[in-house]
Amino acid sequence: MSDELLKAMAQSIIDGEAEVAADLAKQSISAGMDPLDSITKGYVAGVNEVGDSYACGNVFLPELVMAGEAMKAAIAVLEPELKKKGASREVLGRVVLATVEGDIHEIGKSLVGTMLTASGFEVFDLGVNVPADQIIAKAEEVNADIVGLSALLTTTMVRQKEVIEAMDKKGMRNKTHVMVGGAPVTKDWVQKIEADGYSEDAVGAVNAAKNLMKG
């Protein structure tokens, strides 16, 4: 596998260059690279670097958004290849993903959705700034096994709690697990709001989802 290509993929995310990211994805397909390797060893490295820089205050929201757009452009090229490879796999579970109301960050959630899809889950991504009732309605409609709630701001984390409380009232928690994620989310917060799973990154989210499906 071309290390140069993987490095270029990571750099395209760091630079927020959507067209470059998509072109590199096409090159990787032509070169016969495994699309999952391209994502995890190439683009994700860039996403992680941008995420770390954002957490440290070295890059700001516009760069984060541009990195997210670049990631989406790469995934749009690679996803059909992933589906080809995964077409014969059984669906591990159905997941409804959303960034909670009041929060517009997408990069982490989109990445989790991509990784879950790549791992054999059926994913319904509702986007950003999604009210609790919409999340719950979708979960009921598709008979979701897992609801994934993302929040990047300490001020919007409380929405995760509100969704869980609303699901409790509807008696959904016995069949639908709730996973939460986002930079400010801690293990203490997860216990406090009684979420079922939590992860610091997309790879961990896949493992958490698999564990919930076994549970």
C-alpha atoms as a PDB file:
ATOM      1  CA  MET A   1       0.000   0.000   0.000  1.00  0.00           C
ATOM      2  CA  SER A   2       1.239   3.479  -0.860  1.00  0.00           C
ATOM      3  CA  ASP A   3       2.312   5.324   2.273  1.00  0.00           C
ATOM      4  CA  GLU A   4       2.647   8.445   0.137  1.00  0.00           C
ATOM      5  CA  LEU A   5      -1.000   8.204  -0.868  1.00  0.00           C
ATOM      6  CA  LEU A   6      -2.117   7.692   2.728  1.00  0.00           C
ATOM      7  CA  LYS A   7      -0.095  10.725   3.843  1.00  0.00           C
ATOM      8  CA  ALA A   8      -1.595  12.798   1.038  1.00  0.00           C
ATOM      9  CA  MET A   9      -5.083  11.693   2.123  1.00  0.00           C
ATOM     10  CA  ALA A  10      -4.447  12.816   5.697  1.00  0.00           C
ATOM     11  CA  GLN A  11      -3.031  16.127   4.427  1.00  0.00           C
ATOM     12  CA  SER A  12      -6.080  16.762   2.212  1.00  0.00           C
ATOM     13  CA  ILE A  13      -8.274  16.628   5.330  1.00  0.00           C
ATOM     14  CA  ILE A  14      -5.904  18.843   7.336  1.00  0.00           C
ATOM     15  CA  ASP A  15      -5.920  21.371   4.465  1.00  0.00           C
ATOM     16  CA  GLY A  16      -9.698  21.083   4.060  1.00  0.00           C
ATOM     17  CA  GLU A  17      -9.323  20.362   0.339  1.00  0.00           C
ATOM     18  CA  ALA A  18     -12.478  18.490  -0.666  1.00  0.00           C
ATOM     19  CA  GLU A  19     -11.581  18.105  -4.357  1.00  0.00           C
ATOM     20  CA  VAL A  20      -8.100  16.827  -3.546  1.00  0.00           C
ATOM     21  CA  ALA A  21      -9.556  14.368  -1.005  1.00  0.00           C
ATOM     22  CA  ALA A  22     -12.014  13.030  -3.594  1.00  0.00           C
ATOM     23  CA  ASP A  23      -9.310  12.733  -6.273  1.00  0.00           C
ATOM     24  CA  LEU A  24      -7.056  10.790  -3.916  1.00  0.00           C
ATOM     25  CA  ALA A  25      -9.950   8.469  -3.090  1.00  0.00           C
ATOM     26  CA  LYS A  26     -10.378   7.777  -6.821  1.00  0.00           C
ATOM     27  CA  GLN A  27      -6.631   7.131  -7.140  1.00  0.00           C
ATOM     28  CA  SER A  28      -6.777   4.662  -4.244  1.00  0.00           C
ATOM     29  CA  ILE A  29      -9.603   2.724  -5.927  1.00  0.00           C
ATOM     30  CA  SER A  30      -7.636   2.589  -9.195  1.00  0.00           C
ATOM     31  CA  ALA A  31      -4.623   1.353  -7.253  1.00  0.00           C
ATOM     32  CA  GLY A  32      -6.714  -1.426  -5.720  1.00  0.00           C
ATOM     33  CA  MET A  33      -6.364  -0.213  -2.128  1.00  0.00           C
ATOM     34  CA  ASP A  34      -8.881  -1.463   0.423  1.00  0.00           C
ATOM     35  CA  PRO A  35     -11.366   1.418   0.900  1.00  0.00           C
ATOM     36  CA  LEU A  36     -11.494   0.766   4.636  1.00  0.00           C
ATOM     37  CA  ASP A  37      -7.696   1.116   4.838  1.00  0.00           C
ATOM     38  CA  SER A  38      -7.912   4.370   2.904  1.00  0.00           C
ATOM     39  CA  ILE A  39     -10.400   5.674   5.456  1.00  0.00           C
ATOM     40  CA  THR A  40      -8.793   4.420   8.647  1.00  0.00           C
ATOM     41  CA  LYS A  41      -5.106   4.778   7.772  1.00  0.00           C
ATOM     42  CA  GLY A  42      -5.371   7.788   5.478  1.00  0.00           C
ATOM     43  CA  TYR A  43      -8.234  10.184   6.000  1.00  0.00           C
ATOM     44  CA  VAL A  44      -8.916   9.396   9.650  1.00  0.00           C
ATOM     45  CA  ALA A  45      -5.324  10.295  10.512  1.00  0.00           C
ATOM     46  CA  GLY A  46      -6.051  13.749   9.118  1.00  0.00           C
ATOM     47  CA  VAL A  47      -9.372  13.997  10.930  1.00  0.00           C
ATOM     48  CA  ASN A  48      -7.725  13.065  14.215  1.00  0.00           C
ATOM     49  CA  GLU A  49      -5.013  15.663  13.729  1.00  0.00           C
ATOM     50  CA  VAL A  50      -7.533  18.405  12.971  1.00  0.00           C
ATOM     51  CA  GLY A  51      -9.651  17.300  15.941  1.00  0.00           C
ATOM     52  CA  ASP A  52      -6.648  17.398  18.279  1.00  0.00           C
ATOM     53  CA  SER A  53      -5.607  20.821  16.971  1.00  0.00           C
ATOM     54  CA  TYR A  54      -9.160  22.086  17.468  1.00  0.00           C
ATOM     55  CA  ALA A  55      -9.216  20.765  21.031  1.00  0.00           C
ATOM     56  CA  CYS A  56      -5.925  22.594  21.712  1.00  0.00           C
ATOM     57  CA  GLY A  57      -7.239  25.828  20.183  1.00  0.00           C
ATOM     58  CA  ASN A  58      -4.768  25.760  17.282  1.00  0.00           C
ATOM     59  CA  VAL A  59      -7.440  25.534  14.594  1.00  0.00           C
ATOM     60  CA  PHE A  60     -10.924  27.001  14.660  1.00  0.00           C
ATOM     61  CA  LEU A  61     -14.435  26.029  13.604  1.00  0.00           C
ATOM     62  CA  PRO A  62     -14.108  27.049   9.917  1.00  0.00           C
ATOM     63  CA  GLU A  63     -11.111  24.706   9.521  1.00  0.00           C
ATOM     64  CA  LEU A  64     -12.993  21.975  11.345  1.00  0.00           C
ATOM     65  CA  VAL A  65     -15.967  22.384   9.009  1.00  0.00           C
ATOM     66  CA  MET A  66     -13.707  22.388   5.916  1.00  0.00           C
ATOM     67  CA  ALA A  67     -11.994  19.226   7.141  1.00  0.00           C
ATOM     68  CA  GLY A  68     -15.437  17.673   7.575  1.00  0.00           C
ATOM     69  CA  GLU A  69     -16.427  18.628   4.028  1.00  0.00           C
ATOM     70  CA  ALA A  70     -13.189  17.110   2.700  1.00  0.00           C
ATOM     71  CA  MET A  71     -13.884  13.922   4.652  1.00  0.00           C
ATOM     72  CA  LYS A  72     -17.405  13.758   3.237  1.00  0.00           C
ATOM     73  CA  ALA A  73     -16.071  14.208  -0.311  1.00  0.00           C
ATOM     74  CA  ALA A  74     -13.645  11.311   0.166  1.00  0.00           C
ATOM     75  CA  ILE A  75     -16.312   9.096   1.725  1.00  0.00           C
ATOM     76  CA  ALA A  76     -18.745   9.822  -1.122  1.00  0.00           C
ATOM     77  CA  VAL A  77     -16.194   8.259  -3.493  1.00  0.00           C
ATOM     78  CA  LEU A  78     -15.259   5.356  -1.219  1.00  0.00           C
ATOM     79  CA  GLU A  79     -18.677   4.406   0.155  1.00  0.00           C
ATOM     80  CA  PRO A  80     -19.891   2.595  -3.000  1.00  0.00           C
ATOM     81  CA  GLU A  81     -16.677   0.537  -2.883  1.00  0.00           C
ATOM     82  CA  LEU A  82     -17.292  -0.272   0.777  1.00  0.00           C
ATOM     83  CA  LYS A  83     -20.843  -1.332  -0.041  1.00  0.00           C
ATOM     84  CA  LYS A  84     -19.604  -3.579  -2.843  1.00  0.00           C
ATOM     85  CA  LYS A  85     -17.276  -5.301  -0.422  1.00  0.00           C
ATOM     86  CA  GLY A  86     -19.875  -5.421   2.307  1.00  0.00           C
ATOM     87  CA  ALA A  87     -22.889  -6.223   0.175  1.00  0.00           C
ATOM     88  CA  SER A  88     -23.035  -9.810   1.367  1.00  0.00           C
ATOM     89  CA  ARG A  89     -22.597  -8.980   5.036  1.00  0.00           C
ATOM     90  CA  GLU A  90     -25.472  -9.255   7.442  1.00  0.00           C
ATOM     91  CA  VAL A  91     -26.570  -6.009   9.081  1.00  0.00           C
ATOM     92  CA  LEU A  92     -25.227  -5.919  12.639  1.00  0.00           C
ATOM     93  CA  GLY A  93     -27.824  -3.431  13.805  1.00  0.00           C
ATOM     94  CA  ARG A  94     -29.682  -0.229  12.952  1.00  0.00           C
ATOM     95  CA  VAL A  95     -28.283   3.051  14.232  1.00  0.00           C
ATOM     96  CA  VAL A  96     -29.878   6.508  14.228  1.00  0.00           C
ATOM     97  CA  LEU A  97     -27.212   9.221  14.512  1.00  0.00           C
ATOM     98  CA  ALA A  98     -27.665  12.930  15.204  1.00  0.00           C
ATOM     99  CA  THR A  99     -25.879  15.959  16.510  1.00  0.00           C
ATOM    100  CA  VAL A 100     -28.199  17.331  19.189  1.00  0.00           C
ATOM    101  CA  GLU A 101     -30.282  20.495  18.967  1.00  0.00           C
ATOM    102  CA  GLY A 102     -28.284  23.711  19.182  1.00  0.00           C
ATOM    103  CA  ASP A 103     -25.061  22.058  18.027  1.00  0.00           C
ATOM    104  CA  ILE A 104     -23.847  22.227  14.419  1.00  0.00           C
ATOM    105  CA  HIS A 105     -20.644  20.204  14.534  1.00  0.00           C
ATOM    106  CA  GLU A 106     -20.621  17.286  12.159  1.00  0.00           C
ATOM    107  CA  ILE A 107     -17.134  15.960  11.556  1.00  0.00           C
ATOM    108  CA  GLY A 108     -17.055  13.437  14.403  1.00  0.00           C
ATOM    109  CA  LYS A 109     -20.603  12.227  13.891  1.00  0.00           C
ATOM    110  CA  SER A 110     -20.142  11.787  10.131  1.00  0.00           C
ATOM    111  CA  LEU A 111     -17.009   9.813  10.760  1.00  0.00           C
ATOM    112  CA  VAL A 112     -18.773   7.562  13.270  1.00  0.00           C
ATOM    113  CA  GLY A 113     -21.537   6.992  10.710  1.00  0.00           C
ATOM    114  CA  THR A 114     -19.020   6.081   8.036  1.00  0.00           C
ATOM    115  CA  MET A 115     -17.141   3.695  10.303  1.00  0.00           C
ATOM    116  CA  LEU A 116     -20.361   2.043  11.487  1.00  0.00           C
ATOM    117  CA  THR A 117     -21.511   1.607   7.878  1.00  0.00           C
ATOM    118  CA  ALA A 118     -18.116   0.188   6.973  1.00  0.00           C
ATOM    119  CA  SER A 119     -18.415  -2.250   9.871  1.00  0.00           C
ATOM    120  CA  GLY A 120     -21.800  -3.584   8.801  1.00  0.00           C
ATOM    121  CA  PHE A 121     -24.354  -1.388  10.585  1.00  0.00           C
ATOM    122  CA  GLU A 122     -27.274   0.256   8.811  1.00  0.00           C
ATOM    123  CA  VAL A 123     -26.965   3.958   9.638  1.00  0.00           C
ATOM    124  CA  PHE A 124     -29.571   6.727   9.473  1.00  0.00           C
ATOM    125  CA  ASP A 125     -27.732  10.031   9.878  1.00  0.00           C
ATOM    126  CA  LEU A 126     -30.155  12.865  10.674  1.00  0.00           C
ATOM    127  CA  GLY A 127     -27.514  15.598  10.464  1.00  0.00           C
ATOM    128  CA  VAL A 128     -26.925  18.432  12.920  1.00  0.00           C
ATOM    129  CA  ASN A 129     -29.059  20.581  15.234  1.00  0.00           C
ATOM    130  CA  VAL A 130     -31.717  17.841  15.483  1.00  0.00           C
ATOM    131  CA  PRO A 131     -34.523  18.216  18.061  1.00  0.00           C
ATOM    132  CA  ALA A 132     -35.199  15.328  20.451  1.00  0.00           C
ATOM    133  CA  ASP A 133     -38.647  14.516  19.041  1.00  0.00           C
ATOM    134  CA  GLN A 134     -37.201  14.067  15.521  1.00  0.00           C
ATOM    135  CA  ILE A 135     -34.507  11.719  16.798  1.00  0.00           C
ATOM    136  CA  ILE A 136     -37.053   9.647  18.703  1.00  0.00           C
ATOM    137  CA  ALA A 137     -39.526   9.566  15.796  1.00  0.00           C
ATOM    138  CA  LYS A 138     -36.818   8.242  13.454  1.00  0.00           C
ATOM    139  CA  ALA A 139     -35.674   5.649  15.998  1.00  0.00           C
ATOM    140  CA  GLU A 140     -39.252   4.382  16.285  1.00  0.00           C
ATOM    141  CA  GLU A 141     -39.785   4.446  12.513  1.00  0.00           C
ATOM    142  CA  VAL A 142     -36.734   2.319  11.674  1.00  0.00           C
ATOM    143  CA  ASN A 143     -36.903   0.211  14.846  1.00  0.00           C
ATOM    144  CA  ALA A 144     -33.409   1.373  15.808  1.00  0.00           C
ATOM    145  CA  ASP A 145     -31.172  -0.796  17.961  1.00  0.00           C
ATOM    146  CA  ILE A 146     -28.960   2.169  18.871  1.00  0.00           C
ATOM    147  CA  VAL A 147     -29.360   5.943  18.982  1.00  0.00           C
ATOM    148  CA  GLY A 148     -26.070   7.860  18.767  1.00  0.00           C
ATOM    149  CA  LEU A 149     -26.059  11.425  20.118  1.00  0.00           C
ATOM    150  CA  SER A 150     -23.170  13.775  19.460  1.00  0.00           C
ATOM    151  CA  ALA A 151     -22.411  17.095  21.173  1.00  0.00           C
ATOM    152  CA  LEU A 152     -19.283  19.227  20.921  1.00  0.00           C
ATOM    153  CA  LEU A 153     -20.299  21.980  23.324  1.00  0.00           C
ATOM    154  CA  THR A 154     -20.753  21.813  27.091  1.00  0.00           C
ATOM    155  CA  THR A 155     -23.909  23.891  26.589  1.00  0.00           C
ATOM    156  CA  THR A 156     -25.531  21.340  24.265  1.00  0.00           C
ATOM    157  CA  MET A 157     -24.516  18.214  26.192  1.00  0.00           C
ATOM    158  CA  VAL A 158     -27.702  18.578  28.266  1.00  0.00           C
ATOM    159  CA  ARG A 159     -29.691  17.757  25.124  1.00  0.00           C
ATOM    160  CA  GLN A 160     -28.257  14.237  25.271  1.00  0.00           C
ATOM    161  CA  LYS A 161     -29.835  13.906  28.702  1.00  0.00           C
ATOM    162  CA  GLU A 162     -33.157  15.267  27.422  1.00  0.00           C
ATOM    163  CA  VAL A 163     -33.313  12.716  24.588  1.00  0.00           C
ATOM    164  CA  ILE A 164     -32.584   9.870  27.010  1.00  0.00           C
ATOM    165  CA  GLU A 165     -35.252  11.084  29.444  1.00  0.00           C
ATOM    166  CA  ALA A 166     -37.804  11.341  26.623  1.00  0.00           C
ATOM    167  CA  MET A 167     -36.938   7.799  25.479  1.00  0.00           C
ATOM    168  CA  ASP A 168     -37.334   6.565  29.060  1.00  0.00           C
ATOM    169  CA  LYS A 169     -40.817   8.064  29.245  1.00  0.00           C
ATOM    170  CA  LYS A 170     -41.785   6.267  26.039  1.00  0.00           C
ATOM    171  CA  GLY A 171     -40.438   2.967  27.362  1.00  0.00           C
ATOM    172  CA  MET A 172     -37.957   2.681  24.482  1.00  0.00           C
ATOM    173  CA  ARG A 173     -34.819   2.005  26.488  1.00  0.00           C
ATOM    174  CA  ASN A 174     -35.428  -1.718  26.873  1.00  0.00           C
ATOM    175  CA  LYS A 175     -34.938  -2.235  23.125  1.00  0.00           C
ATOM    176  CA  THR A 176     -33.003   0.844  21.961  1.00  0.00           C
ATOM    177  CA  HIS A 177     -29.553   1.567  23.392  1.00  0.00           C
ATOM    178  CA  VAL A 178     -28.145   5.090  23.560  1.00  0.00           C
ATOM    179  CA  MET A 179     -24.537   5.957  22.756  1.00  0.00           C
ATOM    180  CA  VAL A 180     -23.143   9.428  23.339  1.00  0.00           C
ATOM    181  CA  GLY A 181     -20.004  11.136  22.150  1.00  0.00           C
ATOM    182  CA  GLY A 182     -18.296  14.470  21.624  1.00  0.00           C
ATOM    183  CA  ALA A 183     -15.334  16.336  23.048  1.00  0.00           C
ATOM    184  CA  PRO A 184     -16.889  17.407  26.389  1.00  0.00           C
ATOM    185  CA  VAL A 185     -18.475  14.016  27.119  1.00  0.00           C
ATOM    186  CA  THR A 186     -16.871  12.156  30.028  1.00  0.00           C
ATOM    187  CA  LYS A 187     -17.462   8.791  31.681  1.00  0.00           C
ATOM    188  CA  ASP A 188     -18.994  10.632  34.661  1.00  0.00           C
ATOM    189  CA  TRP A 189     -21.472  12.383  32.377  1.00  0.00           C
ATOM    190  CA  VAL A 190     -22.330   9.088  30.677  1.00  0.00           C
ATOM    191  CA  GLN A 191     -23.128   7.517  34.072  1.00  0.00           C
ATOM    192  CA  LYS A 192     -25.060  10.565  35.215  1.00  0.00           C
ATOM    193  CA  ILE A 193     -27.395  10.549  32.195  1.00  0.00           C
ATOM    194  CA  GLU A 194     -27.529   6.726  32.180  1.00  0.00           C
ATOM    195  CA  ALA A 195     -26.370   6.321  28.576  1.00  0.00           C
ATOM    196  CA  ASP A 196     -25.519   2.761  27.497  1.00  0.00           C
ATOM    197  CA  GLY A 197     -22.296   3.437  25.633  1.00  0.00           C
ATOM    198  CA  TYR A 198     -19.662   6.072  25.016  1.00  0.00           C
ATOM    199  CA  SER A 199     -16.571   6.526  22.943  1.00  0.00           C
ATOM    200  CA  GLU A 200     -13.856   9.098  22.497  1.00  0.00           C
ATOM    201  CA  ASP A 201     -13.388   8.371  18.801  1.00  0.00           C
ATOM    202  CA  ALA A 202     -14.993   6.755  15.774  1.00  0.00           C
ATOM    203  CA  VAL A 203     -13.088   3.484  16.052  1.00  0.00           C
ATOM    204  CA  GLY A 204     -14.111   3.176  19.702  1.00  0.00           C
ATOM    205  CA  ALA A 205     -17.706   3.974  18.741  1.00  0.00           C
ATOM    206  CA  VAL A 206     -17.791   0.948  16.449  1.00  0.00           C
ATOM    207  CA  ASN A 207     -16.543  -1.282  19.267  1.00  0.00           C
ATOM    208  CA  ALA A 208     -19.056   0.223  21.680  1.00  0.00           C
ATOM    209  CA  ALA A 209     -21.881  -0.374  19.190  1.00  0.00           C
ATOM    210  CA  LYS A 210     -20.821  -3.980  18.641  1.00  0.00           C
ATOM    211  CA  ASN A 211     -20.711  -4.549  22.406  1.00  0.00           C
ATOM    212  CA  LEU A 212     -24.208  -3.088  22.818  1.00  0.00           C
ATOM    213  CA  MET A 213     -25.546  -5.440  20.148  1.00  0.00           C
ATOM    214  CA  LYS A 214     -24.078  -8.391  22.073  1.00  0.00           C
ATOM    215  CA  GLY A 215     -25.513  -7.149  25.357  1.00  0.00           C
END
